[in-house]
Amino acid sequence: MRHFPSPDIGMFGRRQRHPRGHRIPVRIVGQFAGANVPDTAVVTDHLAADDVMPLPGGCICCTVRNRLQTALRRLVIDRENKPFTRVTIETTNDLGPILRTFATERALGAEFYVEEAPALSVADRMCQFELIEDAPISWQAFSRCIATLTALRGADLLHASGLVNVEGCFGPVAVQLMGHLTAPPVELQAWPGEERASRMEFVTRGIEETAVRSLFNSVCSFAPPQHTQSSP
């Protein structure tokens, strides 16, 4: 059984009221709005395709935006002189590298959190589905499933996010991944409603729901159960 020094601390660190925690919320719009919104810093993405580069230490398909990262970090540095609470990125460029820039702490994931973005569109066959599991899930089993999925089909995993009912946690665990990149999990202080089912929304290139469900069931069947922690 786990023993934590504080009821506010869980297996993933301090529990948060919102999945973004202390991070700055980001809204990405697919056209140049040109409107001034109070407390919002607006970044107009005029940068061309040569700004795309592989994430250091990542695979060749995990491209991110380099100069866009620099522009956003400059905003944070100058935040005391030009205060803001939110960021809007106006862009007509490929959303994939932009979203991947926020999907890992190695880029901007530790400072920013994407709350709104246009839907991804791809030329190949796109699958959208929701994976639902009513019973609490061992984190060992869930993380092993995600690691296997990203290793085998990371290039075709366009985006996945949701809330997971993890054994031993008070609140749900917010999970977000894109390609081979996985954001740090965040345990929330409480569930948003009465339902306790795990729900993950997937957007993939040709990965069917049945394949993900089969992988999940196979991994969970070999995972040892974890002790459940009582509520505070």
Protein backbone atom coordinates (compact mmCIF):
# COMPACT_ATOMS: atom_id res chain seq x y z
CA MET A 1 0.00 0.00 0.00
CA ARG A 2 1.26 3.48 -0.88
CA HIS A 3 1.64 6.11 1.84
CA PHE A 4 1.76 9.73 0.70
CA PRO A 5 3.04 12.59 2.91
CA SER A 6 0.05 14.78 2.01
CA PRO A 7 -3.53 14.19 0.82
CA ASP A 8 -2.72 16.64 -2.01
CA ILE A 9 0.09 14.45 -3.37
CA GLY A 10 -0.56 11.36 -5.50
CA MET A 11 1.52 8.95 -7.54
CA PHE A 12 1.86 11.59 -10.30
CA GLY A 13 2.70 14.52 -8.04
CA ARG A 14 0.39 17.23 -6.75
CA ARG A 15 -3.23 16.72 -7.70
CA GLN A 16 -4.67 19.46 -9.88
CA ARG A 17 -8.13 20.99 -10.26
CA HIS A 18 -7.73 21.02 -14.06
CA PRO A 19 -5.71 18.85 -16.48
CA ARG A 20 -3.60 21.83 -17.46
CA GLY A 21 -2.54 22.48 -13.85
CA HIS A 22 -0.43 25.64 -13.67
CA ARG A 23 0.24 25.68 -17.42
CA ILE A 24 -0.89 28.52 -19.71
CA PRO A 25 -3.97 27.60 -21.83
CA VAL A 26 -3.51 27.86 -25.61
CA ARG A 27 -6.15 28.27 -28.31
CA ILE A 28 -5.16 27.52 -31.90
CA VAL A 29 -7.31 29.02 -34.66
CA GLY A 30 -7.08 28.11 -38.32
CA GLN A 31 -7.48 31.65 -39.61
CA PHE A 32 -6.26 35.10 -38.72
CA ALA A 33 -8.94 36.51 -36.43
CA GLY A 34 -7.26 39.84 -35.80
CA ALA A 35 -9.36 40.55 -32.69
CA ASN A 36 -7.92 41.76 -29.39
CA VAL A 37 -9.06 39.65 -26.45
CA PRO A 38 -8.31 40.90 -22.90
CA ASP A 39 -5.48 39.07 -21.09
CA THR A 40 -4.68 37.10 -24.26
CA ALA A 41 -1.35 37.12 -26.08
CA VAL A 42 -1.83 36.61 -29.82
CA VAL A 43 0.86 34.92 -31.91
CA THR A 44 0.39 35.16 -35.67
CA ASP A 45 2.17 32.23 -37.28
CA HIS A 46 3.73 33.59 -40.46
CA LEU A 47 6.63 31.13 -40.23
CA ALA A 48 7.14 28.94 -43.29
CA ALA A 49 7.61 25.18 -43.62
CA ASP A 50 11.37 25.43 -42.99
CA ASP A 51 10.56 26.01 -39.31
CA VAL A 52 9.68 22.31 -38.94
CA MET A 53 12.35 20.13 -37.36
CA PRO A 54 12.57 16.75 -35.57
CA LEU A 55 12.34 16.90 -31.79
CA PRO A 56 15.84 16.43 -30.31
CA GLY A 57 16.17 12.85 -29.15
CA GLY A 58 12.91 11.85 -30.86
CA CYS A 59 12.11 9.90 -34.01
CA ILE A 60 12.13 11.44 -37.47
CA CYS A 61 8.31 11.62 -37.63
CA CYS A 62 8.05 13.62 -34.37
CA THR A 63 8.55 17.03 -35.97
CA VAL A 64 7.90 20.20 -33.99
CA ARG A 65 8.07 23.95 -34.61
CA ASN A 66 11.39 25.51 -33.58
CA ARG A 67 10.97 29.26 -34.05
CA LEU A 68 7.40 29.07 -32.79
CA GLN A 69 8.80 27.65 -29.53
CA THR A 70 11.21 30.58 -29.33
CA ALA A 71 8.43 33.12 -29.88
CA LEU A 72 6.29 31.59 -27.12
CA ARG A 73 9.17 31.39 -24.66
CA ARG A 74 9.90 35.06 -25.26
CA LEU A 75 6.29 35.79 -24.29
CA VAL A 76 6.82 33.98 -20.98
CA ILE A 77 10.07 35.85 -20.30
CA ASP A 78 8.38 39.20 -20.98
CA ARG A 79 5.18 38.28 -19.13
CA GLU A 80 5.90 40.63 -16.23
CA ASN A 81 6.00 43.63 -18.60
CA LYS A 82 3.17 42.40 -20.84
CA PRO A 83 0.90 40.26 -18.62
CA PHE A 84 -1.43 37.65 -20.12
CA THR A 85 -3.31 34.59 -18.92
CA ARG A 86 -4.01 32.88 -22.25
CA VAL A 87 -2.42 32.52 -25.70
CA THR A 88 -4.06 32.42 -29.12
CA ILE A 89 -2.05 31.14 -32.10
CA GLU A 90 -3.36 32.22 -35.49
CA THR A 91 -2.10 29.87 -38.20
CA THR A 92 -2.82 28.41 -41.61
CA ASN A 93 0.14 26.01 -41.39
CA ASP A 94 0.17 22.26 -40.75
CA LEU A 95 -1.30 21.59 -37.31
CA GLY A 96 0.65 18.37 -36.67
CA PRO A 97 4.06 19.92 -35.83
CA ILE A 98 2.34 22.70 -33.85
CA LEU A 99 0.39 20.27 -31.67
CA ARG A 100 3.45 18.05 -31.17
CA THR A 101 5.30 21.13 -29.91
CA PHE A 102 2.94 21.15 -26.92
CA ALA A 103 2.79 17.37 -26.45
CA THR A 104 6.02 16.93 -24.53
CA GLU A 105 7.93 18.69 -21.75
CA ARG A 106 11.02 18.62 -23.98
CA ALA A 107 9.31 21.31 -26.04
CA LEU A 108 6.54 23.50 -24.57
CA GLY A 109 4.44 20.95 -22.68
CA ALA A 110 5.73 22.04 -19.29
CA GLU A 111 4.61 25.66 -19.80
CA PHE A 112 1.57 25.51 -22.10
CA TYR A 113 -1.53 23.37 -22.55
CA VAL A 114 -3.63 23.26 -25.75
CA GLU A 115 -7.31 23.64 -24.82
CA GLU A 116 -8.75 24.29 -28.28
CA ALA A 117 -7.53 23.51 -31.80
CA PRO A 118 -9.04 22.81 -35.23
CA ALA A 119 -9.62 19.17 -36.11
CA LEU A 120 -6.72 17.35 -37.73
CA SER A 121 -7.20 16.39 -41.36
CA VAL A 122 -5.13 13.79 -43.18
CA ALA A 123 -5.07 12.51 -46.77
CA ASP A 124 -5.04 8.81 -45.74
CA ARG A 125 -7.91 6.93 -43.98
CA MET A 126 -8.64 8.58 -40.62
CA CYS A 127 -10.31 6.72 -37.73
CA GLN A 128 -11.96 8.38 -34.75
CA PHE A 129 -13.26 6.40 -31.81
CA GLU A 130 -13.63 6.41 -28.02
CA LEU A 131 -12.24 3.65 -25.82
CA ILE A 132 -14.32 3.16 -22.64
CA GLU A 133 -13.49 0.97 -19.65
CA ASP A 134 -15.81 0.80 -16.64
CA ALA A 135 -13.47 -0.95 -14.18
CA PRO A 136 -10.47 0.82 -12.58
CA ILE A 137 -7.22 0.22 -14.48
CA SER A 138 -3.75 -0.64 -13.21
CA TRP A 139 -1.37 2.15 -14.23
CA GLN A 140 1.25 -0.46 -15.00
CA ALA A 141 -1.10 -2.11 -17.50
CA PHE A 142 -2.25 1.17 -19.04
CA SER A 143 1.25 2.59 -19.49
CA ARG A 144 2.46 -0.71 -20.96
CA CYS A 145 -0.44 -0.66 -23.44
CA ILE A 146 0.35 2.92 -24.51
CA ALA A 147 4.08 2.17 -24.79
CA THR A 148 3.35 -0.81 -27.02
CA LEU A 149 0.89 1.14 -29.17
CA THR A 150 3.27 4.06 -29.71
CA ALA A 151 6.19 1.73 -30.44
CA LEU A 152 4.25 -0.23 -33.07
CA ARG A 153 2.05 2.47 -34.63
CA GLY A 154 3.26 5.81 -33.26
CA ALA A 155 3.44 7.43 -36.70
CA ASP A 156 -0.26 6.70 -37.22
CA LEU A 157 -1.39 7.83 -33.77
CA LEU A 158 -2.46 11.39 -34.56
CA HIS A 159 -3.89 12.26 -31.15
CA ALA A 160 -5.35 10.62 -28.06
CA SER A 161 -6.54 12.13 -24.80
CA GLY A 162 -8.91 11.45 -21.96
CA LEU A 163 -9.48 10.67 -18.28
CA VAL A 164 -8.43 7.31 -16.85
CA ASN A 165 -9.71 5.69 -13.64
CA VAL A 166 -6.40 4.47 -12.25
CA GLU A 167 -6.31 2.05 -9.32
CA GLY A 168 -5.04 3.83 -6.20
CA CYS A 169 -5.89 7.38 -7.34
CA PHE A 170 -8.49 9.66 -5.75
CA GLY A 171 -9.42 11.47 -8.97
CA PRO A 172 -9.10 10.67 -12.68
CA VAL A 173 -5.74 10.82 -14.42
CA ALA A 174 -5.62 13.10 -17.48
CA VAL A 175 -3.61 11.52 -20.30
CA GLN A 176 -2.57 13.02 -23.65
CA LEU A 177 -0.37 11.58 -26.41
CA MET A 178 0.48 12.27 -30.02
CA GLY A 179 2.62 10.09 -32.22
CA HIS A 180 5.50 8.77 -30.15
CA LEU A 181 5.15 11.63 -27.66
CA THR A 182 3.35 11.34 -24.33
CA ALA A 183 2.58 14.26 -22.01
CA PRO A 184 3.13 13.74 -18.26
CA PRO A 185 -0.03 12.30 -16.63
CA VAL A 186 -1.93 14.63 -14.29
CA GLU A 187 -4.12 13.36 -11.46
CA LEU A 188 -7.14 15.58 -10.81
CA GLN A 189 -8.49 16.35 -7.36
CA ALA A 190 -11.96 15.04 -8.21
CA TRP A 191 -14.05 13.58 -11.00
CA PRO A 192 -16.06 16.14 -13.03
CA GLY A 193 -19.29 14.14 -12.51
CA GLU A 194 -20.66 10.94 -11.03
CA GLU A 195 -19.38 8.68 -13.82
CA ARG A 196 -16.09 6.89 -13.06
CA ALA A 197 -15.46 5.14 -16.39
CA SER A 198 -12.16 5.65 -18.20
CA ARG A 199 -12.65 7.41 -21.54
CA MET A 200 -9.94 7.92 -24.17
CA GLU A 201 -10.67 9.60 -27.51
CA PHE A 202 -8.43 8.49 -30.39
CA VAL A 203 -7.72 10.03 -33.79
CA THR A 204 -5.60 7.67 -35.89
CA ARG A 205 -4.46 6.98 -39.40
CA GLY A 206 -5.81 3.52 -40.09
CA ILE A 207 -5.65 2.14 -36.52
CA GLU A 208 -9.04 0.58 -35.83
CA GLU A 209 -10.82 0.58 -32.46
CA THR A 210 -10.81 -3.23 -32.40
CA ALA A 211 -7.00 -3.31 -32.62
CA VAL A 212 -6.57 -0.90 -29.69
CA ARG A 213 -9.19 -2.72 -27.61
CA SER A 214 -7.54 -6.08 -28.31
CA LEU A 215 -4.13 -4.75 -27.28
CA PHE A 216 -5.58 -3.21 -24.11
CA ASN A 217 -7.37 -6.43 -23.11
CA SER A 218 -4.26 -8.52 -23.76
CA VAL A 219 -2.01 -6.29 -21.65
CA CYS A 220 -4.53 -5.98 -18.79
CA SER A 221 -4.96 -9.74 -18.57
CA PHE A 222 -1.27 -10.11 -17.57
CA ALA A 223 -1.05 -7.13 -15.21
CA PRO A 224 -1.08 -7.86 -11.45
CA PRO A 225 -3.77 -5.97 -9.46
CA GLN A 226 -2.78 -2.93 -7.45
CA HIS A 227 -3.97 -1.99 -3.96
CA THR A 228 -6.70 0.63 -4.02
CA GLN A 229 -6.21 3.76 -1.93
CA SER A 230 -9.16 4.95 0.14
CA SER A 231 -10.52 8.46 -0.35
CA PRO A 232 -9.34 11.18 2.07
